[in-house]
Amino acid sequence: MADTPKTFHPTFSIGGDLTVNRMGYGAMRITGEGIWGPPKDREEAIRVLQRTVELGINFIDTADSYGPFISEELIAEALYPYPKELVIATKGGLLRTGPNQWPINSKPDHLKEALEGSLQRLKLDRIDLYQLHRVDPEIPFEQTLEFLQDAQEQGLIKHIGLSEVTIEQIQMAQKYVEIVSVQNMYSFDNRKWEAELMYCEDNAMAFIPWYPLGGGNLKAQEIIEQVAQKYEATPHQVALSWLLHRSPCILLIPGTSKVKHLEENYQAASIPLTEEDYVTLDQVGASTFTKGDSSASG
């Protein structure tokens, strides 16, 4: 039996004290090709960030590895001093050795350098939400967690999140720090992390899907195009709307380097999917989902 849409709530409170609109913005795409180097159109990237705030979006997700460093630098250039209500989340735990290359390094010494760099580039004294980009298979997870615990105790981090993790890894992390968010790949036709989403919902954690616009299944795309025509919307807008209706703990961070696409993504929050349309998408997505590629960055 297909799931039914949850009651739609426009906001979510991260960690119980950072209330954000559930339609956020992911700042990965304001970099060069392969998420490497500066953007082709720097002025447009600045306009995208400024338009983000104008639209009322108050949650921006970035990482030190986007560029690397470029995304964080542009955010500060475009928006500092920041609006009081703006929450900037960043991440550490990946290295960059070239375009589309993302080696993992969550050793404490690297995370220390990454966190200090993010604070400097973003012109902040404390990161509101600092997310571990990946669990490092080369070292005990405890070492990474002890670093995050210490950084939080020093006041450099307000809240801590994880990315691409299992329920077991979340539970292990919770022995050291409070985990307030999980950022895993997820879309209406990519349900690999369904159990983790439900865990977040049950435990009042934010679930932040990366690559939220579909796993590329042709049958699923045909269905979503049919629903999109009904609402005079794009398939991308319907995919985002489905996620907002899927769970009240989902925060969306669709990324783009164009103001036009930013505005289109934002409009997805106002698409009032009927229960019938939601269930139709849910059924086809659940029956055709692919596991996707978790090696890319999110």
Protein backbone atom coordinates (compact mmCIF):
# COMPACT_ATOMS: atom_id res chain seq x y z
CA MET A 1 0.00 0.00 0.00
CA ALA A 2 1.35 3.40 -0.93
CA ASP A 3 2.11 5.91 1.76
CA THR A 4 -0.13 8.97 2.05
CA PRO A 5 1.14 12.55 2.16
CA LYS A 6 1.90 14.01 5.57
CA THR A 7 0.35 17.27 6.73
CA PHE A 8 2.25 20.02 4.93
CA HIS A 9 4.27 22.31 7.17
CA PRO A 10 6.18 25.19 5.53
CA THR A 11 8.94 25.32 8.16
CA PHE A 12 11.11 23.00 10.24
CA SER A 13 13.08 23.70 13.40
CA ILE A 14 16.62 22.33 13.16
CA GLY A 15 17.79 21.18 16.56
CA GLY A 16 14.67 22.69 18.06
CA ASP A 17 15.92 26.27 17.77
CA LEU A 18 16.76 27.10 14.13
CA THR A 19 13.47 27.54 12.31
CA VAL A 20 13.91 27.53 8.54
CA ASN A 21 11.70 27.40 5.49
CA ARG A 22 11.70 23.87 4.14
CA MET A 23 12.58 25.07 0.64
CA GLY A 24 16.26 25.89 0.98
CA TYR A 25 19.11 26.31 -1.48
CA GLY A 26 22.13 24.12 -2.20
CA ALA A 27 25.18 26.15 -3.19
CA MET A 28 27.19 23.44 -4.94
CA ARG A 29 26.37 24.59 -8.48
CA ILE A 30 27.74 28.12 -8.15
CA THR A 31 31.18 26.72 -8.98
CA GLY A 32 32.89 25.60 -12.16
CA GLU A 33 32.36 22.45 -14.19
CA GLY A 34 32.87 19.33 -12.13
CA ILE A 35 32.29 21.49 -9.00
CA TRP A 36 35.83 22.71 -9.57
CA GLY A 37 37.09 26.27 -9.73
CA PRO A 38 35.12 29.49 -10.12
CA PRO A 39 31.77 29.72 -11.94
CA LYS A 40 31.64 30.70 -15.59
CA ASP A 41 29.36 33.61 -14.70
CA ARG A 42 30.42 35.03 -11.34
CA GLU A 43 27.92 37.89 -11.46
CA GLU A 44 25.05 35.48 -12.02
CA ALA A 45 26.24 33.35 -9.10
CA ILE A 46 26.14 36.43 -6.87
CA ARG A 47 22.66 37.27 -8.17
CA VAL A 48 21.47 33.75 -7.41
CA LEU A 49 22.59 34.02 -3.80
CA GLN A 50 21.07 37.46 -3.34
CA ARG A 51 17.82 36.37 -4.98
CA THR A 52 17.73 33.37 -2.64
CA VAL A 53 17.40 35.67 0.36
CA GLU A 54 14.94 37.96 -1.46
CA LEU A 55 12.63 35.00 -2.02
CA GLY A 56 12.56 34.25 1.69
CA ILE A 57 14.81 31.22 1.57
CA ASN A 58 16.71 31.18 4.85
CA PHE A 59 18.60 27.88 4.69
CA ILE A 60 21.69 27.62 2.49
CA ASP A 61 23.73 24.42 2.29
CA THR A 62 27.35 24.45 1.17
CA ALA A 63 30.70 22.71 1.83
CA ASP A 64 34.39 23.54 1.91
CA SER A 65 34.87 21.07 -0.95
CA TYR A 66 32.60 22.93 -3.37
CA GLY A 67 35.15 24.59 -5.61
CA PRO A 68 36.95 23.86 -3.34
CA PHE A 69 36.30 26.91 -1.14
CA ILE A 70 34.60 28.88 -3.94
CA SER A 71 31.02 28.35 -2.80
CA GLU A 72 31.69 29.53 0.74
CA GLU A 73 33.63 32.56 -0.49
CA LEU A 74 30.81 33.59 -2.83
CA ILE A 75 28.20 33.24 -0.09
CA ALA A 76 30.12 35.67 2.10
CA GLU A 77 30.74 38.04 -0.80
CA ALA A 78 27.08 38.11 -1.77
CA LEU A 79 25.35 38.06 1.60
CA TYR A 80 27.63 39.24 4.42
CA PRO A 81 26.60 40.75 6.77
CA TYR A 82 23.98 38.02 6.88
CA PRO A 83 20.28 38.50 7.59
CA LYS A 84 19.53 37.53 11.19
CA GLU A 85 17.27 34.63 10.21
CA LEU A 86 19.66 33.08 7.65
CA VAL A 87 21.06 29.65 8.54
CA ILE A 88 24.20 28.59 6.67
CA ALA A 89 25.08 24.91 6.85
CA THR A 90 28.43 23.67 5.64
CA LYS A 91 30.36 20.41 5.61
CA GLY A 92 33.83 18.93 5.97
CA GLY A 93 35.33 15.53 5.29
CA LEU A 94 36.15 15.45 1.58
CA LEU A 95 39.29 16.40 -0.32
CA ARG A 96 39.40 17.71 -3.87
CA THR A 97 42.04 16.40 -6.26
CA GLY A 98 40.34 17.53 -9.47
CA PRO A 99 36.96 17.99 -11.19
CA ASN A 100 34.38 15.44 -10.00
CA GLN A 101 36.94 13.84 -7.67
CA TRP A 102 35.98 13.51 -3.99
CA PRO A 103 38.44 11.51 -1.84
CA ILE A 104 37.25 11.08 1.76
CA ASN A 105 39.27 12.44 4.67
CA SER A 106 37.52 12.74 8.01
CA LYS A 107 40.64 12.53 10.13
CA PRO A 108 40.63 15.06 12.98
CA ASP A 109 43.58 17.03 11.62
CA HIS A 110 41.87 17.54 8.27
CA LEU A 111 38.52 18.37 9.84
CA LYS A 112 40.23 20.95 12.06
CA GLU A 113 41.72 22.63 8.99
CA ALA A 114 38.42 22.38 7.12
CA LEU A 115 36.34 23.84 9.94
CA GLU A 116 38.75 26.70 10.56
CA GLY A 117 38.77 27.46 6.83
CA SER A 118 34.98 27.45 6.62
CA LEU A 119 34.69 29.83 9.57
CA GLN A 120 37.16 32.21 7.95
CA ARG A 121 35.65 32.10 4.46
CA LEU A 122 32.08 32.47 5.71
CA LYS A 123 33.15 35.22 8.16
CA LEU A 124 31.51 33.44 11.07
CA ASP A 125 32.49 32.74 14.66
CA ARG A 126 30.31 29.63 14.76
CA ILE A 127 28.75 27.34 12.17
CA ASP A 128 25.01 26.87 12.78
CA LEU A 129 24.96 23.39 11.23
CA TYR A 130 28.23 21.57 10.55
CA GLN A 131 27.82 18.30 8.68
CA LEU A 132 30.26 15.44 8.34
CA HIS A 133 30.43 15.01 4.57
CA ARG A 134 31.35 11.31 4.73
CA VAL A 135 32.30 8.71 7.31
CA ASP A 136 35.95 7.85 6.68
CA PRO A 137 36.46 4.07 6.28
CA GLU A 138 40.20 4.47 6.91
CA ILE A 139 39.88 5.50 10.57
CA PRO A 140 37.64 4.58 13.51
CA PHE A 141 34.44 6.61 13.40
CA GLU A 142 35.02 7.45 17.06
CA GLN A 143 38.00 9.66 16.17
CA THR A 144 35.88 11.80 13.90
CA LEU A 145 33.09 12.01 16.45
CA GLU A 146 35.45 13.03 19.23
CA PHE A 147 36.68 15.90 17.06
CA LEU A 148 33.14 17.09 16.36
CA GLN A 149 32.28 16.80 20.04
CA ASP A 150 35.30 18.89 21.01
CA ALA A 151 34.62 21.53 18.33
CA GLN A 152 31.06 21.85 19.54
CA GLU A 153 32.19 22.21 23.16
CA GLN A 154 34.56 24.97 22.03
CA GLY A 155 31.59 26.85 20.57
CA LEU A 156 32.76 26.57 16.96
CA ILE A 157 29.72 24.50 15.98
CA LYS A 158 26.13 24.97 17.12
CA HIS A 159 24.54 21.82 15.67
CA ILE A 160 25.98 18.69 14.04
CA GLY A 161 24.69 16.69 11.08
CA LEU A 162 25.82 13.67 9.06
CA SER A 163 25.75 12.75 5.37
CA GLU A 164 25.35 9.39 3.61
CA VAL A 165 24.93 7.41 6.81
CA THR A 166 22.97 4.41 8.01
CA ILE A 167 20.75 4.28 11.07
CA GLU A 168 23.49 2.35 12.86
CA GLN A 169 26.01 5.10 12.14
CA ILE A 170 23.57 7.76 13.33
CA GLN A 171 23.01 5.87 16.56
CA MET A 172 26.73 5.48 17.10
CA ALA A 173 27.25 9.21 16.56
CA GLN A 174 24.50 9.98 19.05
CA LYS A 175 26.64 8.44 21.79
CA TYR A 176 29.01 11.39 21.36
CA VAL A 177 26.93 14.32 20.11
CA GLU A 178 23.35 15.23 19.35
CA ILE A 179 22.66 14.66 15.66
CA VAL A 180 20.07 17.08 14.28
CA SER A 181 20.21 16.35 10.54
CA VAL A 182 21.00 13.67 7.98
CA GLN A 183 21.82 14.46 4.36
CA ASN A 184 21.43 11.37 2.15
CA MET A 185 20.65 10.87 -1.51
CA TYR A 186 16.87 10.56 -1.92
CA SER A 187 14.16 11.29 -4.47
CA PHE A 188 10.72 10.02 -5.41
CA ASP A 189 12.34 7.25 -7.49
CA ASN A 190 15.45 6.69 -5.37
CA ARG A 191 14.45 5.23 -1.99
CA LYS A 192 17.68 3.61 -0.86
CA TRP A 193 17.61 5.59 2.41
CA GLU A 194 13.89 5.20 3.18
CA ALA A 195 14.55 3.71 6.64
CA GLU A 196 16.88 6.58 7.50
CA LEU A 197 14.23 9.10 6.48
CA MET A 198 11.71 7.44 8.78
CA TYR A 199 14.28 7.39 11.59
CA CYS A 200 14.77 11.13 11.19
CA GLU A 201 11.04 11.75 11.20
CA ASP A 202 10.58 9.65 14.35
CA ASN A 203 13.43 11.46 16.11
CA ALA A 204 12.71 15.07 15.06
CA MET A 205 15.82 15.28 12.87
CA ALA A 206 15.98 17.12 9.56
CA PHE A 207 16.36 14.89 6.51
CA ILE A 208 18.07 16.77 3.68
CA PRO A 209 17.90 14.90 0.36
CA TRP A 210 20.69 15.56 -2.08
CA TYR A 211 20.18 14.84 -5.75
CA PRO A 212 16.44 15.29 -5.11
CA LEU A 213 15.29 15.49 -8.72
CA GLY A 214 15.05 11.82 -9.59
CA GLY A 215 17.04 8.69 -10.20
CA GLY A 216 16.55 8.76 -13.96
CA ASN A 217 14.08 5.86 -14.27
CA LEU A 218 12.21 6.29 -17.56
CA LYS A 219 8.89 4.90 -16.35
CA ALA A 220 8.95 7.17 -13.32
CA GLN A 221 9.82 10.15 -15.50
CA GLU A 222 6.84 9.47 -17.75
CA ILE A 223 4.46 9.50 -14.78
CA ILE A 224 5.92 12.65 -13.28
CA GLU A 225 5.63 14.42 -16.64
CA GLN A 226 1.94 13.54 -16.75
CA VAL A 227 1.39 14.97 -13.27
CA ALA A 228 3.41 18.07 -14.16
CA GLN A 229 1.16 18.80 -17.15
CA LYS A 230 -1.86 18.78 -14.83
CA TYR A 231 -0.34 21.53 -12.67
CA GLU A 232 1.25 23.43 -15.59
CA ALA A 233 4.55 22.81 -13.85
CA THR A 234 7.87 21.24 -14.74
CA PRO A 235 8.72 17.65 -13.78
CA HIS A 236 11.43 19.05 -11.50
CA GLN A 237 8.90 21.18 -9.66
CA VAL A 238 6.61 18.20 -9.13
CA ALA A 239 9.50 16.05 -7.90
CA LEU A 240 10.36 18.72 -5.33
CA SER A 241 6.72 19.13 -4.31
CA TRP A 242 6.42 15.38 -3.75
CA LEU A 243 9.38 15.50 -1.36
CA LEU A 244 7.84 18.36 0.62
CA HIS A 245 4.67 16.31 0.99
CA ARG A 246 6.58 13.09 1.73
CA SER A 247 7.67 14.04 5.25
CA PRO A 248 7.53 17.19 7.40
CA CYS A 249 11.18 16.67 8.34
CA ILE A 250 12.47 16.97 4.77
CA LEU A 251 14.42 20.14 3.97
CA LEU A 252 15.05 20.72 0.27
CA ILE A 253 18.28 22.17 -1.09
CA PRO A 254 17.95 22.12 -4.90
CA GLY A 255 20.97 23.75 -6.46
CA THR A 256 21.32 25.92 -9.54
CA SER A 257 23.58 28.58 -10.99
CA LYS A 258 20.72 30.48 -12.67
CA VAL A 259 18.23 32.89 -11.12
CA LYS A 260 15.48 31.62 -13.44
CA HIS A 261 15.93 28.04 -12.24
CA LEU A 262 16.11 29.19 -8.62
CA GLU A 263 12.74 30.88 -8.95
CA GLU A 264 11.26 27.80 -10.63
CA ASN A 265 12.49 25.56 -7.82
CA TYR A 266 11.08 27.92 -5.21
CA GLN A 267 7.65 27.83 -6.84
CA ALA A 268 7.53 24.07 -6.26
CA ALA A 269 6.64 24.77 -2.62
CA SER A 270 3.29 26.18 -3.75
CA ILE A 271 2.19 23.17 -5.84
CA PRO A 272 -0.72 21.62 -3.91
CA LEU A 273 -0.42 17.95 -4.89
CA THR A 274 -3.65 16.04 -4.41
CA GLU A 275 -3.49 12.81 -2.43
CA GLU A 276 -4.20 10.91 -5.64
CA ASP A 277 -1.25 12.49 -7.43
CA TYR A 278 1.01 11.99 -4.43
CA VAL A 279 0.09 8.31 -4.17
CA THR A 280 0.55 7.80 -7.93
CA LEU A 281 4.07 9.21 -7.74
CA ASP A 282 4.79 7.30 -4.56
CA GLN A 283 3.77 3.98 -6.10
CA VAL A 284 5.73 4.35 -9.31
CA GLY A 285 8.76 5.73 -7.48
CA ALA A 286 8.79 2.96 -4.91
CA SER A 287 8.41 0.26 -7.56
CA THR A 288 11.17 1.53 -9.86
CA PHE A 289 13.73 3.13 -7.58
CA THR A 290 17.45 2.70 -8.18
CA LYS A 291 20.14 2.77 -5.55
CA GLY A 292 21.99 5.59 -7.24
CA ASP A 293 25.65 6.49 -6.83
CA SER A 294 26.59 7.58 -3.32
CA SER A 295 30.19 8.27 -4.32
CA ALA A 296 29.31 11.67 -5.76
CA SER A 297 29.10 14.59 -3.39
CA GLY A 298 25.98 15.77 -1.68
